[in-house]
Amino acid sequence: MHSKPTKPSLPPHTAEENIAYTRQMLGELRAVADNEGAEMLRYFIEMAYVEAGDILAGLRPLSLRGRRDPATGMPLKPAGKVKF
């Protein structure tokens, strides 16, 4: 009988290492989108790249949960025709 070899488990990574890796991959994806002329996609990838850099630099928190501004209490109108 042949048993499947198990992959060695990787050591756990810190949040900083994971964000740095994500930023690196976003940089590569940004280049691909740019080469293909996908301007909107490139823009969104760029925004994520900048966000990751800000997190690594300590300019932004990792998460915004619980830190958002409270809702204004404005009622939402159903989508449809807008009257001016």
C-alpha atoms as a PDB file:
ATOM      1  CA  MET A   1       0.000   0.000   0.000  1.00  0.00           C
ATOM      2  CA  HIS A   2       1.123   3.481  -0.839  1.00  0.00           C
ATOM      3  CA  SER A   3       0.094   6.270   1.424  1.00  0.00           C
ATOM      4  CA  LYS A   4      -0.063   9.856   0.304  1.00  0.00           C
ATOM      5  CA  PRO A   5       2.895  11.847   1.491  1.00  0.00           C
ATOM      6  CA  THR A   6       1.840  14.707   3.705  1.00  0.00           C
ATOM      7  CA  LYS A   7       2.976  18.198   2.958  1.00  0.00           C
ATOM      8  CA  PRO A   8       5.076  19.730   5.674  1.00  0.00           C
ATOM      9  CA  SER A   9       3.060  22.336   7.502  1.00  0.00           C
ATOM     10  CA  LEU A  10       4.214  25.881   7.032  1.00  0.00           C
ATOM     11  CA  PRO A  11       4.987  27.966  10.075  1.00  0.00           C
ATOM     12  CA  PRO A  12       2.265  30.438  10.987  1.00  0.00           C
ATOM     13  CA  HIS A  13       2.735  33.893   9.560  1.00  0.00           C
ATOM     14  CA  THR A  14       2.094  37.185  11.238  1.00  0.00           C
ATOM     15  CA  ALA A  15      -0.591  39.555   9.991  1.00  0.00           C
ATOM     16  CA  GLU A  16       2.183  41.891   8.821  1.00  0.00           C
ATOM     17  CA  GLU A  17       3.787  39.130   6.737  1.00  0.00           C
ATOM     18  CA  ASN A  18       0.421  38.208   5.225  1.00  0.00           C
ATOM     19  CA  ILE A  19      -0.376  41.824   4.324  1.00  0.00           C
ATOM     20  CA  ALA A  20       3.101  42.284   2.844  1.00  0.00           C
ATOM     21  CA  TYR A  21       2.597  39.146   0.719  1.00  0.00           C
ATOM     22  CA  THR A  22      -0.844  40.355  -0.359  1.00  0.00           C
ATOM     23  CA  ARG A  23       0.641  43.722  -1.349  1.00  0.00           C
ATOM     24  CA  GLN A  24       3.349  42.003  -3.387  1.00  0.00           C
ATOM     25  CA  MET A  25       0.746  39.923  -5.254  1.00  0.00           C
ATOM     26  CA  LEU A  26      -1.392  43.018  -5.851  1.00  0.00           C
ATOM     27  CA  GLY A  27       1.640  44.713  -7.401  1.00  0.00           C
ATOM     28  CA  GLU A  28       2.000  41.827  -9.825  1.00  0.00           C
ATOM     29  CA  LEU A  29      -1.732  41.798 -10.620  1.00  0.00           C
ATOM     30  CA  ARG A  30      -1.618  45.543 -11.189  1.00  0.00           C
ATOM     31  CA  ALA A  31       1.077  45.054 -13.840  1.00  0.00           C
ATOM     32  CA  VAL A  32      -0.968  42.348 -15.568  1.00  0.00           C
ATOM     33  CA  ALA A  33      -4.094  44.514 -15.616  1.00  0.00           C
ATOM     34  CA  ASP A  34      -2.062  47.450 -16.907  1.00  0.00           C
ATOM     35  CA  ASN A  35      -0.520  45.348 -19.698  1.00  0.00           C
ATOM     36  CA  GLU A  36      -4.000  44.229 -20.758  1.00  0.00           C
ATOM     37  CA  GLY A  37      -5.386  47.760 -20.762  1.00  0.00           C
ATOM     38  CA  ALA A  38      -7.918  46.948 -18.040  1.00  0.00           C
ATOM     39  CA  GLU A  39      -7.961  50.447 -16.599  1.00  0.00           C
ATOM     40  CA  MET A  40     -10.800  50.072 -14.106  1.00  0.00           C
ATOM     41  CA  LEU A  41      -9.449  46.761 -12.822  1.00  0.00           C
ATOM     42  CA  ARG A  42      -5.986  48.282 -12.539  1.00  0.00           C
ATOM     43  CA  TYR A  43      -7.468  51.190 -10.560  1.00  0.00           C
ATOM     44  CA  PHE A  44      -9.183  48.918  -8.032  1.00  0.00           C
ATOM     45  CA  ILE A  45      -6.066  46.776  -7.653  1.00  0.00           C
ATOM     46  CA  GLU A  46      -4.029  49.963  -7.157  1.00  0.00           C
ATOM     47  CA  MET A  47      -6.396  51.092  -4.394  1.00  0.00           C
ATOM     48  CA  ALA A  48      -5.966  47.744  -2.622  1.00  0.00           C
ATOM     49  CA  TYR A  49      -2.180  48.005  -3.086  1.00  0.00           C
ATOM     50  CA  VAL A  50      -2.156  51.484  -1.524  1.00  0.00           C
ATOM     51  CA  GLU A  51      -4.412  50.297   1.323  1.00  0.00           C
ATOM     52  CA  ALA A  52      -2.057  47.412   2.095  1.00  0.00           C
ATOM     53  CA  GLY A  53       0.887  49.823   2.118  1.00  0.00           C
ATOM     54  CA  ASP A  54      -0.963  52.138   4.497  1.00  0.00           C
ATOM     55  CA  ILE A  55      -1.679  49.229   6.844  1.00  0.00           C
ATOM     56  CA  LEU A  56       1.976  48.181   6.813  1.00  0.00           C
ATOM     57  CA  ALA A  57       3.069  51.771   7.492  1.00  0.00           C
ATOM     58  CA  GLY A  58       0.672  52.003  10.440  1.00  0.00           C
ATOM     59  CA  LEU A  59      -1.412  54.706   8.753  1.00  0.00           C
ATOM     60  CA  ARG A  60      -4.584  52.604   8.782  1.00  0.00           C
ATOM     61  CA  PRO A  61      -5.931  49.926  11.095  1.00  0.00           C
ATOM     62  CA  LEU A  62      -6.130  46.371   9.845  1.00  0.00           C
ATOM     63  CA  SER A  63      -9.905  46.392  10.303  1.00  0.00           C
ATOM     64  CA  LEU A  64     -12.587  49.046  10.551  1.00  0.00           C
ATOM     65  CA  ARG A  65     -15.074  46.863  12.418  1.00  0.00           C
ATOM     66  CA  GLY A  66     -16.557  48.739  15.310  1.00  0.00           C
ATOM     67  CA  ARG A  67     -14.801  51.941  14.249  1.00  0.00           C
ATOM     68  CA  ARG A  68     -17.258  53.191  11.658  1.00  0.00           C
ATOM     69  CA  ASP A  69     -19.315  56.313  12.035  1.00  0.00           C
ATOM     70  CA  PRO A  70     -22.858  55.637  13.230  1.00  0.00           C
ATOM     71  CA  ALA A  71     -25.671  55.729  10.695  1.00  0.00           C
ATOM     72  CA  THR A  72     -27.258  59.137  10.264  1.00  0.00           C
ATOM     73  CA  GLY A  73     -30.790  57.807  10.584  1.00  0.00           C
ATOM     74  CA  MET A  74     -31.724  59.054   7.120  1.00  0.00           C
ATOM     75  CA  PRO A  75     -34.470  56.962   5.581  1.00  0.00           C
ATOM     76  CA  LEU A  76     -33.552  55.174   2.399  1.00  0.00           C
ATOM     77  CA  LYS A  77     -35.837  55.628  -0.573  1.00  0.00           C
ATOM     78  CA  PRO A  78     -36.502  52.717  -2.893  1.00  0.00           C
ATOM     79  CA  ALA A  79     -34.637  52.811  -6.196  1.00  0.00           C
ATOM     80  CA  GLY A  80     -36.542  54.297  -9.050  1.00  0.00           C
ATOM     81  CA  LYS A  81     -37.102  57.603 -10.760  1.00  0.00           C
ATOM     82  CA  VAL A  82     -35.454  60.541  -9.103  1.00  0.00           C
ATOM     83  CA  LYS A  83     -37.393  63.818  -9.174  1.00  0.00           C
ATOM     84  CA  PHE A  84     -35.519  67.082  -9.199  1.00  0.00           C
END
